[in-house]
Amino acid sequence: MDKRFPLPGEHAHSEWPAWRRRMHEIIFEAETPAGKLFDVILIGSILLSVAVVLLDSVAAIHARYARWLYFGEWVFTLLFTVEYVLRLVSVGKPLKYAGSFFGVVDLLAILPSYIDILLPGSRYLQVIRILRVLRIFRVLKLVQFLGEARRLKQALRASSRKIAVFLFSVITLVVIFGSMIYLIEGEKNGFTSIPRSIYWAIVTLTTVGYGDISPRTALGQTLASIIMILGFSIIAVPTGIVSAQLSKGGKPVSTEACPQCSAEGHDVDAEYCKYCGAKL
């Protein structure tokens, strides 16, 4: 349980003006009717804005409705810009929120439209807004999904060193295999350089098998067969590493967001934020 003695400034949230506390409750919380309504409208707007971007990329639709689609894109961009500013205003540590996952996603969701003014075509990157729909887990009170997401994040973090060693080993193997196939097949069979041969080794080891280049000699085909068989066993390694960490279990979490840093994922009985120490 995240309990300890209060630190100076922890109760700053209670000293906020009523409008600021109300804004935080509506924007960051989903337990109240107003907060849930806000998130439902937000998610609907996100889906509509992504649909506008997708439709704008269809030549026939763009030719007929380009002006309306462009207008719609800017309407959503301005709405999301206002929302982003309000999120920064309604937390005690705006920079902390800006650097969080959702803070970065919220910023990236509006930047493409402004960048498009200087670099035409950049607005199609607005499809990143679909990541904002992840807030639906909080809106629908699917707390168990929030807990599972935190467990997955912790498992990936705990497995990072093992996965790094695994990736380094794979890179070493493909460099060796690529160099070997280059010596065996040579330029006459399409392996024009070691980097291109390494590309073939990666495609073969991962069992993708594009087939754009392939060995012609018996020795090269034998090496390819070994790499393919090895690929089946290697693919399962990262899955096993992460699964081992996930099997250790985790604690249930609440949907409550910290009023100071906007962090989520606290234990259901937590009284203080585990990230900044503010009172929840």
Protein backbone atom coordinates (compact mmCIF):
# COMPACT_ATOMS: atom_id res chain seq x y z
CA MET A 1 0.00 0.00 0.00
CA ASP A 2 1.41 3.40 -1.05
CA LYS A 3 1.26 5.11 2.39
CA ARG A 4 3.75 7.33 4.14
CA PHE A 5 3.95 10.66 5.99
CA PRO A 6 2.95 13.71 3.90
CA LEU A 7 5.68 15.91 2.51
CA PRO A 8 5.55 19.70 2.09
CA GLY A 9 3.32 20.66 -0.83
CA GLU A 10 1.50 17.33 -0.98
CA HIS A 11 -1.83 18.91 -0.17
CA ALA A 12 -1.48 21.62 -2.82
CA HIS A 13 -4.37 20.06 -4.70
CA SER A 14 -6.79 21.00 -1.91
CA GLU A 15 -5.61 24.63 -2.19
CA TRP A 16 -6.40 24.88 -5.90
CA PRO A 17 -9.30 27.08 -7.06
CA ALA A 18 -12.57 25.21 -7.38
CA TRP A 19 -12.58 25.54 -11.20
CA ARG A 20 -9.15 23.93 -11.45
CA ARG A 21 -10.09 20.99 -9.23
CA ARG A 22 -13.29 20.56 -11.23
CA MET A 23 -11.34 20.66 -14.51
CA HIS A 24 -8.95 17.97 -13.28
CA GLU A 25 -11.86 15.83 -12.17
CA ILE A 26 -13.54 16.07 -15.58
CA ILE A 27 -10.45 15.67 -17.76
CA PHE A 28 -8.46 13.07 -15.83
CA GLU A 29 -11.06 11.09 -13.89
CA ALA A 30 -13.68 8.70 -15.24
CA GLU A 31 -15.54 7.96 -12.01
CA THR A 32 -17.91 10.94 -12.25
CA PRO A 33 -20.67 11.32 -14.89
CA ALA A 34 -19.01 14.49 -16.24
CA GLY A 35 -15.61 12.83 -16.43
CA LYS A 36 -16.97 9.78 -18.20
CA LEU A 37 -18.97 11.92 -20.64
CA PHE A 38 -15.86 13.95 -21.44
CA ASP A 39 -13.83 10.83 -22.19
CA VAL A 40 -16.60 9.28 -24.30
CA ILE A 41 -16.86 12.47 -26.39
CA LEU A 42 -13.07 12.62 -26.64
CA ILE A 43 -12.78 9.02 -27.84
CA GLY A 44 -15.56 9.60 -30.38
CA SER A 45 -13.74 12.70 -31.66
CA ILE A 46 -10.47 10.78 -31.92
CA LEU A 47 -12.09 8.03 -33.99
CA LEU A 48 -13.78 10.59 -36.26
CA SER A 49 -10.53 12.51 -36.75
CA VAL A 50 -8.68 9.32 -37.71
CA ALA A 51 -11.50 8.43 -40.11
CA VAL A 52 -11.13 11.85 -41.76
CA VAL A 53 -7.41 11.27 -42.30
CA LEU A 54 -8.00 7.79 -43.72
CA LEU A 55 -10.72 9.02 -46.11
CA ASP A 56 -8.53 11.91 -47.24
CA SER A 57 -5.93 9.41 -48.46
CA VAL A 58 -8.46 7.82 -50.86
CA ALA A 59 -7.98 9.51 -54.24
CA ALA A 60 -11.64 9.41 -55.31
CA ILE A 61 -12.89 10.83 -52.00
CA HIS A 62 -10.09 13.42 -51.81
CA ALA A 63 -10.89 14.69 -55.31
CA ARG A 64 -14.51 15.32 -54.36
CA TYR A 65 -14.40 16.35 -50.69
CA ALA A 66 -10.84 17.64 -50.19
CA ARG A 67 -11.96 21.04 -48.91
CA TRP A 68 -14.38 19.61 -46.36
CA LEU A 69 -11.91 16.97 -45.17
CA TYR A 70 -9.19 19.59 -44.76
CA PHE A 71 -11.60 21.78 -42.80
CA GLY A 72 -12.55 18.80 -40.59
CA GLU A 73 -8.90 17.99 -39.90
CA TRP A 74 -8.28 21.52 -38.63
CA VAL A 75 -11.44 21.55 -36.51
CA PHE A 76 -10.28 18.41 -34.72
CA THR A 77 -6.72 19.73 -34.46
CA LEU A 78 -7.87 22.95 -32.79
CA LEU A 79 -10.15 21.04 -30.42
CA PHE A 80 -7.33 18.69 -29.42
CA THR A 81 -4.98 21.65 -29.02
CA VAL A 82 -7.36 23.30 -26.57
CA GLU A 83 -7.79 20.00 -24.76
CA TYR A 84 -4.01 19.53 -24.50
CA VAL A 85 -3.59 23.02 -23.00
CA LEU A 86 -6.39 22.35 -20.50
CA ARG A 87 -4.68 19.11 -19.46
CA LEU A 88 -1.48 21.02 -18.73
CA VAL A 89 -3.40 23.64 -16.75
CA SER A 90 -5.31 21.09 -14.68
CA VAL A 91 -2.28 19.24 -13.25
CA GLY A 92 0.13 20.44 -10.61
CA LYS A 93 3.20 19.37 -12.63
CA PRO A 94 2.49 20.08 -16.30
CA LEU A 95 6.00 19.16 -17.46
CA LYS A 96 5.63 15.79 -15.75
CA TYR A 97 2.45 15.13 -17.68
CA ALA A 98 3.95 16.43 -20.94
CA GLY A 99 6.75 13.86 -20.62
CA SER A 100 4.43 10.95 -19.82
CA PHE A 101 3.25 8.43 -22.42
CA PHE A 102 -0.17 10.00 -22.90
CA GLY A 103 1.31 13.50 -22.74
CA VAL A 104 3.67 12.72 -25.61
CA VAL A 105 0.88 11.03 -27.59
CA ASP A 106 -1.42 14.04 -27.04
CA LEU A 107 1.28 16.36 -28.36
CA LEU A 108 2.08 14.16 -31.36
CA ALA A 109 -1.63 14.05 -32.16
CA ILE A 110 -1.72 17.78 -32.93
CA LEU A 111 1.78 18.49 -34.27
CA PRO A 112 1.32 16.96 -37.78
CA SER A 113 -1.30 19.55 -38.74
CA TYR A 114 1.00 22.43 -37.84
CA ILE A 115 4.03 20.78 -39.45
CA ASP A 116 1.93 20.26 -42.59
CA ILE A 117 2.00 24.03 -43.12
CA LEU A 118 5.76 23.79 -43.76
CA LEU A 119 5.95 20.18 -45.00
CA PRO A 120 2.83 19.30 -47.02
CA GLY A 121 1.67 15.74 -46.51
CA SER A 122 2.71 15.57 -42.85
CA ARG A 123 -0.91 15.72 -41.74
CA TYR A 124 -1.34 12.05 -42.62
CA LEU A 125 0.75 11.30 -39.53
CA GLN A 126 -2.34 12.29 -37.54
CA VAL A 127 -3.31 8.61 -37.53
CA ILE A 128 -1.14 8.41 -34.39
CA ARG A 129 -4.23 9.82 -32.66
CA ILE A 130 -5.57 6.28 -32.57
CA LEU A 131 -3.21 5.66 -29.63
CA ARG A 132 -5.31 8.04 -27.58
CA VAL A 133 -8.18 5.55 -27.72
CA LEU A 134 -6.26 3.55 -25.10
CA ARG A 135 -8.06 5.77 -22.60
CA ILE A 136 -11.15 3.66 -23.24
CA PHE A 137 -9.85 1.18 -20.63
CA ARG A 138 -10.38 3.84 -17.97
CA VAL A 139 -13.68 5.10 -19.38
CA LEU A 140 -15.29 1.66 -19.34
CA LYS A 141 -13.83 0.99 -15.89
CA LEU A 142 -11.90 -1.99 -17.20
CA VAL A 143 -9.55 -1.77 -14.24
CA GLN A 144 -8.28 -5.29 -14.79
CA PHE A 145 -6.94 -4.20 -18.18
CA LEU A 146 -5.07 -1.34 -16.55
CA GLY A 147 -3.54 -3.84 -14.15
CA GLU A 148 -2.59 -6.17 -16.98
CA ALA A 149 -1.07 -3.28 -18.92
CA ARG A 150 1.05 -2.37 -15.90
CA ARG A 151 2.12 -5.99 -15.48
CA LEU A 152 3.13 -6.16 -19.13
CA LYS A 153 5.11 -2.94 -18.80
CA GLN A 154 6.88 -4.24 -15.68
CA ALA A 155 7.59 -7.58 -17.37
CA LEU A 156 9.12 -5.89 -20.41
CA ARG A 157 11.22 -3.65 -18.19
CA ALA A 158 12.40 -6.57 -16.06
CA SER A 159 13.22 -8.56 -19.20
CA SER A 160 15.01 -5.73 -21.00
CA ARG A 161 18.54 -6.92 -20.20
CA LYS A 162 17.82 -10.50 -21.20
CA ILE A 163 16.18 -9.37 -24.42
CA ALA A 164 19.12 -7.05 -25.13
CA VAL A 165 21.53 -10.00 -24.77
CA PHE A 166 19.27 -12.08 -27.01
CA LEU A 167 19.16 -9.38 -29.71
CA PHE A 168 22.93 -8.94 -29.57
CA SER A 169 23.32 -12.70 -30.05
CA VAL A 170 20.94 -12.66 -33.02
CA ILE A 171 22.80 -9.74 -34.60
CA THR A 172 26.06 -11.62 -34.18
CA LEU A 173 24.57 -14.72 -35.83
CA VAL A 174 23.16 -12.88 -38.86
CA VAL A 175 26.49 -11.12 -39.43
CA ILE A 176 28.29 -14.47 -39.36
CA PHE A 177 25.70 -16.22 -41.54
CA GLY A 178 25.59 -13.29 -43.94
CA SER A 179 29.36 -13.33 -44.34
CA MET A 180 29.34 -17.10 -44.88
CA ILE A 181 26.65 -17.03 -47.57
CA TYR A 182 28.49 -14.17 -49.29
CA LEU A 183 31.63 -16.30 -49.50
CA ILE A 184 29.69 -19.39 -50.63
CA GLU A 185 27.36 -17.83 -53.22
CA GLY A 186 29.15 -14.67 -54.34
CA GLU A 187 27.94 -11.88 -56.58
CA LYS A 188 26.97 -14.18 -59.46
CA ASN A 189 24.07 -15.56 -57.40
CA GLY A 190 22.76 -12.19 -56.22
CA PHE A 191 24.76 -11.82 -52.97
CA THR A 192 26.50 -8.66 -54.15
CA SER A 193 27.80 -7.52 -50.74
CA ILE A 194 28.01 -8.57 -47.12
CA PRO A 195 25.28 -6.08 -46.02
CA ARG A 196 22.92 -7.53 -48.65
CA SER A 197 23.85 -11.02 -47.51
CA ILE A 198 23.12 -10.02 -43.90
CA TYR A 199 19.69 -8.82 -45.04
CA TRP A 200 19.11 -12.29 -46.56
CA ALA A 201 20.25 -13.92 -43.30
CA ILE A 202 17.76 -11.81 -41.29
CA VAL A 203 14.90 -12.65 -43.66
CA THR A 204 15.79 -16.35 -43.49
CA LEU A 205 16.38 -16.51 -39.74
CA THR A 206 13.04 -14.86 -39.01
CA THR A 207 11.38 -17.31 -41.45
CA VAL A 208 9.91 -14.42 -43.46
CA GLY A 209 11.41 -15.67 -46.72
CA TYR A 210 10.77 -12.89 -49.25
CA GLY A 211 12.56 -14.88 -51.94
CA ASP A 212 14.08 -11.85 -53.67
CA ILE A 213 17.50 -13.52 -53.35
CA SER A 214 18.20 -17.17 -52.62
CA PRO A 215 21.19 -19.52 -52.64
CA ARG A 216 21.86 -21.56 -55.77
CA THR A 217 24.64 -23.88 -54.65
CA ALA A 218 24.16 -27.05 -52.60
CA LEU A 219 26.36 -25.73 -49.80
CA GLY A 220 24.45 -22.43 -49.71
CA GLN A 221 21.11 -24.22 -49.58
CA THR A 222 22.39 -26.42 -46.76
CA LEU A 223 23.39 -23.32 -44.79
CA ALA A 224 19.98 -21.79 -45.52
CA SER A 225 18.24 -24.91 -44.19
CA ILE A 226 20.24 -24.72 -40.96
CA ILE A 227 19.35 -21.05 -40.52
CA MET A 228 15.65 -21.75 -41.11
CA ILE A 229 15.53 -24.52 -38.54
CA LEU A 230 17.47 -22.35 -36.09
CA GLY A 231 14.97 -19.57 -36.70
CA PHE A 232 12.06 -21.60 -35.33
CA SER A 233 13.83 -22.07 -31.99
CA ILE A 234 15.05 -18.49 -31.76
CA ILE A 235 11.63 -16.90 -32.31
CA ALA A 236 10.29 -18.46 -29.09
CA VAL A 237 13.07 -17.07 -26.88
CA PRO A 238 11.80 -13.49 -26.27
CA THR A 239 8.27 -14.81 -25.74
CA GLY A 240 9.54 -17.17 -23.04
CA ILE A 241 11.53 -14.41 -21.34
CA VAL A 242 8.53 -12.08 -21.07
CA SER A 243 6.14 -14.90 -20.14
CA ALA A 244 8.37 -15.88 -17.23
CA GLN A 245 8.10 -12.35 -15.85
CA LEU A 246 4.34 -12.16 -16.42
CA SER A 247 3.79 -15.38 -14.49
CA LYS A 248 5.00 -13.67 -11.32
CA GLY A 249 1.64 -11.91 -11.00
CA GLY A 250 0.73 -8.39 -9.96
CA LYS A 251 -1.55 -6.23 -7.83
CA PRO A 252 -4.88 -4.73 -8.95
CA VAL A 253 -4.86 -1.01 -9.76
CA SER A 254 -7.37 1.83 -9.66
CA THR A 255 -8.37 4.33 -12.35
CA GLU A 256 -7.51 7.34 -10.16
CA ALA A 257 -5.08 9.86 -11.69
CA CYS A 258 -2.64 11.89 -9.61
CA PRO A 259 -3.70 15.58 -9.45
CA GLN A 260 -0.05 16.68 -9.55
CA CYS A 261 1.67 14.54 -12.20
CA SER A 262 -1.41 12.85 -13.78
CA ALA A 263 0.18 9.41 -13.33
CA GLU A 264 -2.15 6.40 -13.21
CA GLY A 265 -1.81 2.77 -12.19
CA HIS A 266 -1.91 3.23 -8.42
CA ASP A 267 -2.91 0.44 -6.04
CA VAL A 268 -6.60 0.48 -5.14
CA ASP A 269 -5.79 1.34 -1.50
CA ALA A 270 -3.11 3.94 -2.24
CA GLU A 271 -3.38 7.31 -0.53
CA TYR A 272 -0.31 8.92 -2.11
CA CYS A 273 1.07 8.93 -5.64
CA LYS A 274 3.87 6.39 -6.03
CA TYR A 275 5.61 8.63 -8.58
CA CYS A 276 5.58 12.15 -7.08
CA GLY A 277 4.28 11.63 -3.52
CA ALA A 278 1.22 13.88 -3.86
CA LYS A 279 -1.93 12.99 -1.94
CA LEU A 280 -4.52 11.24 -4.11
